[in-house]
Amino acid sequence: TPMTTDTQPKYCLACNKTVRGRSDKKFCDDFCRNNYNNQLKASSHNLVRNINNALAKNRRILESLISEGEEMTKASKEKLLQNGFRFKYTTHQFTNKKGSIYYFCYDYGYLPLENDSYLIVKGKEDPAM
């Protein structure tokens, strides 16, 4: 008696072509396998990439406001927003001994002041970091 085999054709999960080879094969070639897996990961990678880009842009904006050789400066909320700063993206916070909360984008931070003004500082947050 002949061996019974699964004669049902299998189709590539990416392009739907008939798959030939091992019985557990899911893709017709490496391109389709990579493409399929990249598509699965795309949305979570896009989210992370977009947040990282926003954090990096915030850092560049803060850095650009402090003059060479200086440790801090002041800037208005309007100036930060005009440069594309997005307040919802920070890497961490630091509370000083007076209870003031500094918001950081990596090694540059800001302290909200009165009248929609901000103190922009260069990395004095935590010597352990």
N, C-alpha and C. Protein backbone atom coordinates (compact mmCIF):
# COMPACT_ATOMS: atom_id res chain seq x y z
N THR A 1 0.84 -1.19 0.00
CA THR A 1 0.00 0.00 0.00
C THR A 1 0.88 1.25 0.00
N PRO A 2 0.57 2.19 -0.86
CA PRO A 2 1.36 3.42 -0.91
C PRO A 2 1.18 4.25 0.36
N MET A 3 2.26 5.01 0.72
CA MET A 3 2.16 5.89 1.90
C MET A 3 1.20 7.01 1.59
N THR A 4 0.39 7.34 2.57
CA THR A 4 -0.52 8.46 2.35
C THR A 4 0.22 9.74 2.70
N THR A 5 0.20 10.69 1.80
CA THR A 5 0.84 11.99 2.04
C THR A 5 -0.19 13.07 1.88
N ASP A 6 0.12 14.18 2.49
CA ASP A 6 -0.78 15.34 2.41
C ASP A 6 -0.61 15.95 1.02
N THR A 7 -1.59 15.76 0.15
CA THR A 7 -1.47 16.25 -1.22
C THR A 7 -2.08 17.64 -1.37
N GLN A 8 -2.57 18.19 -0.30
CA GLN A 8 -3.13 19.55 -0.32
C GLN A 8 -1.98 20.53 -0.58
N PRO A 9 -2.06 21.35 -1.65
CA PRO A 9 -0.96 22.30 -1.89
C PRO A 9 -0.93 23.37 -0.77
N LYS A 10 0.29 23.82 -0.44
CA LYS A 10 0.46 24.88 0.56
C LYS A 10 0.78 26.16 -0.18
N TYR A 11 0.35 27.28 0.39
CA TYR A 11 0.54 28.56 -0.26
C TYR A 11 1.37 29.49 0.63
N CYS A 12 2.22 30.27 -0.01
CA CYS A 12 3.07 31.24 0.67
C CYS A 12 2.21 32.23 1.45
N LEU A 13 2.54 32.46 2.72
CA LEU A 13 1.77 33.40 3.54
C LEU A 13 1.90 34.84 3.06
N ALA A 14 2.96 35.14 2.31
CA ALA A 14 3.19 36.51 1.85
C ALA A 14 2.58 36.78 0.47
N CYS A 15 2.83 35.89 -0.49
CA CYS A 15 2.41 36.19 -1.88
C CYS A 15 1.38 35.22 -2.44
N ASN A 16 1.08 34.18 -1.69
CA ASN A 16 0.05 33.20 -2.07
C ASN A 16 0.45 32.26 -3.20
N LYS A 17 1.74 32.24 -3.60
CA LYS A 17 2.21 31.27 -4.59
C LYS A 17 2.27 29.89 -3.93
N THR A 18 2.25 28.85 -4.75
CA THR A 18 2.37 27.49 -4.21
C THR A 18 3.77 27.30 -3.63
N VAL A 19 3.81 26.74 -2.42
CA VAL A 19 5.09 26.50 -1.74
C VAL A 19 5.53 25.07 -2.02
N ARG A 20 6.79 24.91 -2.42
CA ARG A 20 7.36 23.60 -2.67
C ARG A 20 8.47 23.35 -1.66
N GLY A 21 8.63 22.09 -1.27
CA GLY A 21 9.70 21.74 -0.35
C GLY A 21 9.15 21.09 0.91
N ARG A 22 9.79 21.36 2.02
CA ARG A 22 9.42 20.73 3.29
C ARG A 22 7.94 20.94 3.61
N SER A 23 7.38 19.97 4.33
CA SER A 23 5.95 20.03 4.63
C SER A 23 5.60 21.18 5.59
N ASP A 24 6.58 21.65 6.36
CA ASP A 24 6.28 22.73 7.30
C ASP A 24 6.68 24.11 6.77
N LYS A 25 7.05 24.18 5.51
CA LYS A 25 7.48 25.43 4.90
C LYS A 25 6.27 26.36 4.73
N LYS A 26 6.46 27.65 5.04
CA LYS A 26 5.35 28.61 5.00
C LYS A 26 5.51 29.68 3.92
N PHE A 27 6.75 29.82 3.39
CA PHE A 27 7.02 30.88 2.42
C PHE A 27 7.73 30.30 1.21
N CYS A 28 7.55 30.94 0.06
CA CYS A 28 8.17 30.43 -1.16
C CYS A 28 9.65 30.77 -1.22
N ASP A 29 10.08 31.86 -0.57
CA ASP A 29 11.51 32.22 -0.57
C ASP A 29 11.82 33.16 0.60
N ASP A 30 13.10 33.50 0.75
CA ASP A 30 13.53 34.36 1.85
C ASP A 30 12.93 35.77 1.76
N PHE A 31 12.79 36.28 0.54
CA PHE A 31 12.22 37.61 0.37
C PHE A 31 10.81 37.66 0.97
N CYS A 32 9.98 36.68 0.62
CA CYS A 32 8.61 36.65 1.15
C CYS A 32 8.59 36.47 2.66
N ARG A 33 9.48 35.61 3.19
CA ARG A 33 9.54 35.40 4.64
C ARG A 33 9.93 36.69 5.36
N ASN A 34 10.95 37.37 4.85
CA ASN A 34 11.39 38.63 5.46
C ASN A 34 10.32 39.70 5.36
N ASN A 35 9.71 39.81 4.19
CA ASN A 35 8.68 40.81 3.96
C ASN A 35 7.50 40.59 4.92
N TYR A 36 7.07 39.35 5.03
CA TYR A 36 5.95 39.00 5.91
C TYR A 36 6.27 39.39 7.36
N ASN A 37 7.45 38.98 7.84
CA ASN A 37 7.82 39.26 9.23
C ASN A 37 8.04 40.75 9.48
N ASN A 38 8.59 41.47 8.49
CA ASN A 38 8.76 42.92 8.63
C ASN A 38 7.41 43.62 8.73
N GLN A 39 6.43 43.16 7.97
CA GLN A 39 5.09 43.75 8.03
C GLN A 39 4.47 43.55 9.41
N LEU A 40 4.69 42.37 10.01
CA LEU A 40 4.15 42.10 11.34
C LEU A 40 4.71 43.07 12.37
N LYS A 41 5.99 43.38 12.25
CA LYS A 41 6.67 44.23 13.23
C LYS A 41 6.52 45.72 12.94
N ALA A 42 6.08 46.08 11.76
CA ALA A 42 6.12 47.47 11.31
C ALA A 42 5.43 48.44 12.24
N SER A 43 4.22 48.14 12.71
CA SER A 43 3.48 49.14 13.49
C SER A 43 4.16 49.43 14.82
N SER A 44 4.65 48.42 15.52
CA SER A 44 5.32 48.69 16.79
C SER A 44 6.66 49.38 16.56
N HIS A 45 7.38 49.02 15.49
CA HIS A 45 8.64 49.70 15.18
C HIS A 45 8.39 51.16 14.81
N ASN A 46 7.30 51.44 14.08
CA ASN A 46 6.99 52.82 13.71
C ASN A 46 6.71 53.67 14.95
N LEU A 47 5.98 53.13 15.90
CA LEU A 47 5.66 53.85 17.13
C LEU A 47 6.95 54.21 17.86
N VAL A 48 7.82 53.24 18.06
CA VAL A 48 9.08 53.47 18.77
C VAL A 48 9.95 54.46 18.01
N ARG A 49 10.06 54.29 16.69
CA ARG A 49 10.87 55.20 15.89
C ARG A 49 10.36 56.64 15.97
N ASN A 50 9.03 56.81 15.90
CA ASN A 50 8.46 58.15 15.94
C ASN A 50 8.70 58.83 17.29
N ILE A 51 8.58 58.06 18.38
CA ILE A 51 8.84 58.63 19.72
C ILE A 51 10.32 58.97 19.86
N ASN A 52 11.21 58.07 19.43
CA ASN A 52 12.64 58.36 19.48
C ASN A 52 13.00 59.61 18.67
N ASN A 53 12.38 59.75 17.50
CA ASN A 53 12.62 60.94 16.68
C ASN A 53 12.15 62.21 17.38
N ALA A 54 10.99 62.15 18.04
CA ALA A 54 10.46 63.32 18.76
C ALA A 54 11.37 63.68 19.93
N LEU A 55 11.86 62.69 20.66
CA LEU A 55 12.79 62.94 21.78
C LEU A 55 14.09 63.57 21.28
N ALA A 56 14.62 63.03 20.19
CA ALA A 56 15.87 63.56 19.63
C ALA A 56 15.68 64.99 19.15
N LYS A 57 14.54 65.28 18.53
CA LYS A 57 14.27 66.64 18.06
C LYS A 57 14.14 67.59 19.25
N ASN A 58 13.43 67.16 20.30
CA ASN A 58 13.32 67.99 21.51
C ASN A 58 14.70 68.31 22.06
N ARG A 59 15.58 67.29 22.13
CA ARG A 59 16.93 67.50 22.64
C ARG A 59 17.68 68.51 21.77
N ARG A 60 17.60 68.36 20.45
CA ARG A 60 18.30 69.29 19.55
C ARG A 60 17.81 70.73 19.75
N ILE A 61 16.49 70.89 19.95
CA ILE A 61 15.93 72.23 20.16
C ILE A 61 16.48 72.83 21.45
N LEU A 62 16.45 72.07 22.54
CA LEU A 62 16.97 72.56 23.82
C LEU A 62 18.45 72.91 23.69
N GLU A 63 19.21 72.02 23.04
CA GLU A 63 20.65 72.24 22.86
C GLU A 63 20.91 73.51 22.06
N SER A 64 20.10 73.75 21.03
CA SER A 64 20.32 74.90 20.14
C SER A 64 20.06 76.24 20.84
N LEU A 65 19.28 76.22 21.91
CA LEU A 65 18.94 77.47 22.60
C LEU A 65 20.03 77.92 23.57
N ILE A 66 20.86 76.98 24.02
CA ILE A 66 21.93 77.33 24.96
C ILE A 66 23.18 77.72 24.18
N SER A 67 23.69 78.91 24.46
CA SER A 67 24.87 79.41 23.76
C SER A 67 26.10 78.58 24.12
N GLU A 68 27.04 78.54 23.19
CA GLU A 68 28.31 77.82 23.39
C GLU A 68 28.97 78.28 24.69
N GLY A 69 29.37 77.34 25.51
CA GLY A 69 30.04 77.66 26.76
C GLY A 69 29.11 77.98 27.92
N GLU A 70 27.83 78.09 27.66
CA GLU A 70 26.85 78.38 28.71
C GLU A 70 26.26 77.08 29.25
N GLU A 71 25.69 77.13 30.45
CA GLU A 71 25.05 75.97 31.07
C GLU A 71 23.53 76.06 31.04
N MET A 72 23.01 77.29 30.87
CA MET A 72 21.55 77.47 30.89
C MET A 72 21.16 78.75 30.17
N THR A 73 19.85 78.83 29.89
CA THR A 73 19.28 80.03 29.28
C THR A 73 17.79 80.03 29.57
N LYS A 74 17.11 81.09 29.17
CA LYS A 74 15.64 81.13 29.29
C LYS A 74 15.04 81.18 27.90
N ALA A 75 13.85 80.59 27.77
CA ALA A 75 13.13 80.63 26.50
C ALA A 75 11.63 80.65 26.79
N SER A 76 10.89 81.26 25.89
CA SER A 76 9.43 81.29 26.04
C SER A 76 8.82 80.01 25.49
N LYS A 77 7.64 79.69 25.98
CA LYS A 77 6.91 78.53 25.47
C LYS A 77 6.68 78.70 23.97
N GLU A 78 6.36 79.93 23.56
CA GLU A 78 6.10 80.21 22.14
C GLU A 78 7.33 79.88 21.28
N LYS A 79 8.52 80.26 21.76
CA LYS A 79 9.74 79.99 21.00
C LYS A 79 9.98 78.49 20.88
N LEU A 80 9.77 77.75 21.97
CA LEU A 80 9.94 76.30 21.94
C LEU A 80 8.96 75.68 20.94
N LEU A 81 7.70 76.09 21.00
CA LEU A 81 6.68 75.54 20.09
C LEU A 81 6.98 75.90 18.63
N GLN A 82 7.44 77.12 18.39
CA GLN A 82 7.77 77.54 17.02
C GLN A 82 8.88 76.66 16.43
N ASN A 83 9.78 76.19 17.29
CA ASN A 83 10.86 75.31 16.84
C ASN A 83 10.42 73.87 16.69
N GLY A 84 9.17 73.57 17.07
CA GLY A 84 8.65 72.21 16.92
C GLY A 84 8.77 71.36 18.18
N PHE A 85 9.03 72.00 19.33
CA PHE A 85 9.18 71.25 20.58
C PHE A 85 7.84 70.62 20.95
N ARG A 86 7.90 69.34 21.40
CA ARG A 86 6.69 68.62 21.81
C ARG A 86 6.83 68.26 23.28
N PHE A 87 6.09 68.99 24.12
CA PHE A 87 6.21 68.87 25.57
C PHE A 87 5.83 67.49 26.11
N LYS A 88 5.04 66.74 25.37
CA LYS A 88 4.62 65.44 25.91
C LYS A 88 5.74 64.39 25.88
N TYR A 89 6.85 64.67 25.18
CA TYR A 89 7.93 63.70 25.09
C TYR A 89 9.13 64.14 25.92
N THR A 90 9.39 63.40 27.01
CA THR A 90 10.57 63.61 27.85
C THR A 90 11.13 62.24 28.20
N THR A 91 12.41 62.20 28.58
CA THR A 91 13.01 60.93 28.97
C THR A 91 12.90 60.68 30.46
N HIS A 92 12.99 61.74 31.26
CA HIS A 92 12.91 61.58 32.70
C HIS A 92 12.71 62.94 33.38
N GLN A 93 12.49 62.89 34.70
CA GLN A 93 12.32 64.11 35.49
C GLN A 93 13.37 64.13 36.59
N PHE A 94 13.65 65.32 37.07
CA PHE A 94 14.55 65.47 38.21
C PHE A 94 13.94 66.51 39.13
N THR A 95 13.83 66.18 40.41
CA THR A 95 13.32 67.13 41.40
C THR A 95 14.49 67.58 42.26
N ASN A 96 14.72 68.89 42.29
CA ASN A 96 15.84 69.39 43.09
C ASN A 96 15.43 69.52 44.56
N LYS A 97 16.36 69.96 45.39
CA LYS A 97 16.11 70.05 46.84
C LYS A 97 14.97 71.00 47.18
N LYS A 98 14.73 72.00 46.33
CA LYS A 98 13.64 72.96 46.57
C LYS A 98 12.29 72.41 46.14
N GLY A 99 12.30 71.24 45.47
CA GLY A 99 11.05 70.65 45.00
C GLY A 99 10.69 71.03 43.58
N SER A 100 11.57 71.76 42.90
CA SER A 100 11.31 72.13 41.50
C SER A 100 11.55 70.92 40.61
N ILE A 101 10.63 70.70 39.66
CA ILE A 101 10.72 69.54 38.77
C ILE A 101 11.26 69.97 37.40
N TYR A 102 12.41 69.40 37.05
CA TYR A 102 13.01 69.61 35.74
C TYR A 102 12.61 68.44 34.85
N TYR A 103 12.26 68.71 33.61
CA TYR A 103 11.89 67.68 32.64
C TYR A 103 13.03 67.57 31.64
N PHE A 104 13.49 66.34 31.38
CA PHE A 104 14.66 66.14 30.54
C PHE A 104 14.34 65.38 29.26
N CYS A 105 15.10 65.75 28.23
CA CYS A 105 15.19 64.99 26.98
C CYS A 105 16.66 64.61 26.90
N TYR A 106 16.97 63.46 27.43
CA TYR A 106 18.34 62.98 27.56
C TYR A 106 19.12 63.92 28.49
N ASP A 107 20.14 64.61 27.98
CA ASP A 107 21.00 65.43 28.84
C ASP A 107 20.65 66.91 28.85
N TYR A 108 19.55 67.30 28.22
CA TYR A 108 19.09 68.69 28.26
C TYR A 108 17.71 68.71 28.89
N GLY A 109 17.48 69.71 29.72
CA GLY A 109 16.21 69.77 30.42
C GLY A 109 15.63 71.17 30.46
N TYR A 110 14.43 71.24 31.02
CA TYR A 110 13.78 72.55 31.19
C TYR A 110 12.99 72.55 32.48
N LEU A 111 12.90 73.74 33.05
CA LEU A 111 12.13 73.98 34.26
C LEU A 111 11.07 75.01 33.94
N PRO A 112 9.78 74.65 34.10
CA PRO A 112 8.73 75.65 33.86
C PRO A 112 8.85 76.80 34.87
N LEU A 113 8.81 78.03 34.37
CA LEU A 113 8.84 79.23 35.21
C LEU A 113 7.50 79.95 35.07
N GLU A 114 7.42 81.16 35.61
CA GLU A 114 6.19 81.95 35.47
C GLU A 114 6.05 82.49 34.05
N ASN A 115 4.85 82.89 33.71
CA ASN A 115 4.55 83.56 32.44
C ASN A 115 4.95 82.77 31.20
N ASP A 116 4.67 81.45 31.19
CA ASP A 116 5.00 80.60 30.04
C ASP A 116 6.46 80.72 29.62
N SER A 117 7.34 80.83 30.61
CA SER A 117 8.76 80.92 30.37
C SER A 117 9.42 79.65 30.93
N TYR A 118 10.56 79.29 30.36
CA TYR A 118 11.25 78.07 30.77
C TYR A 118 12.73 78.33 30.94
N LEU A 119 13.31 77.72 31.99
CA LEU A 119 14.74 77.71 32.16
C LEU A 119 15.25 76.45 31.46
N ILE A 120 16.12 76.63 30.49
CA ILE A 120 16.69 75.51 29.74
C ILE A 120 18.06 75.22 30.36
N VAL A 121 18.31 73.95 30.68
CA VAL A 121 19.57 73.59 31.35
C VAL A 121 20.28 72.46 30.61
N LYS A 122 21.59 72.46 30.78
CA LYS A 122 22.41 71.40 30.21
C LYS A 122 22.82 70.46 31.33
N GLY A 123 22.42 69.19 31.19
CA GLY A 123 22.74 68.04 32.02
C GLY A 123 23.29 68.16 33.41
N LYS A 124 22.59 68.75 34.34
CA LYS A 124 23.01 68.74 35.75
C LYS A 124 22.10 67.86 36.56
N GLU A 125 21.35 66.98 35.90
CA GLU A 125 20.27 66.26 36.58
C GLU A 125 20.71 65.27 37.64
N ASP A 126 21.57 64.31 37.30
CA ASP A 126 21.90 63.26 38.26
C ASP A 126 23.33 62.79 38.00
N PRO A 127 24.24 63.08 38.92
CA PRO A 127 25.63 62.72 38.68
C PRO A 127 25.85 61.22 38.50
N ALA A 128 24.92 60.41 38.96
CA ALA A 128 25.05 58.95 38.82
C ALA A 128 24.77 58.49 37.41
N MET A 129 24.16 59.32 36.60
CA MET A 129 23.77 58.90 35.25
C MET A 129 24.92 59.05 34.27
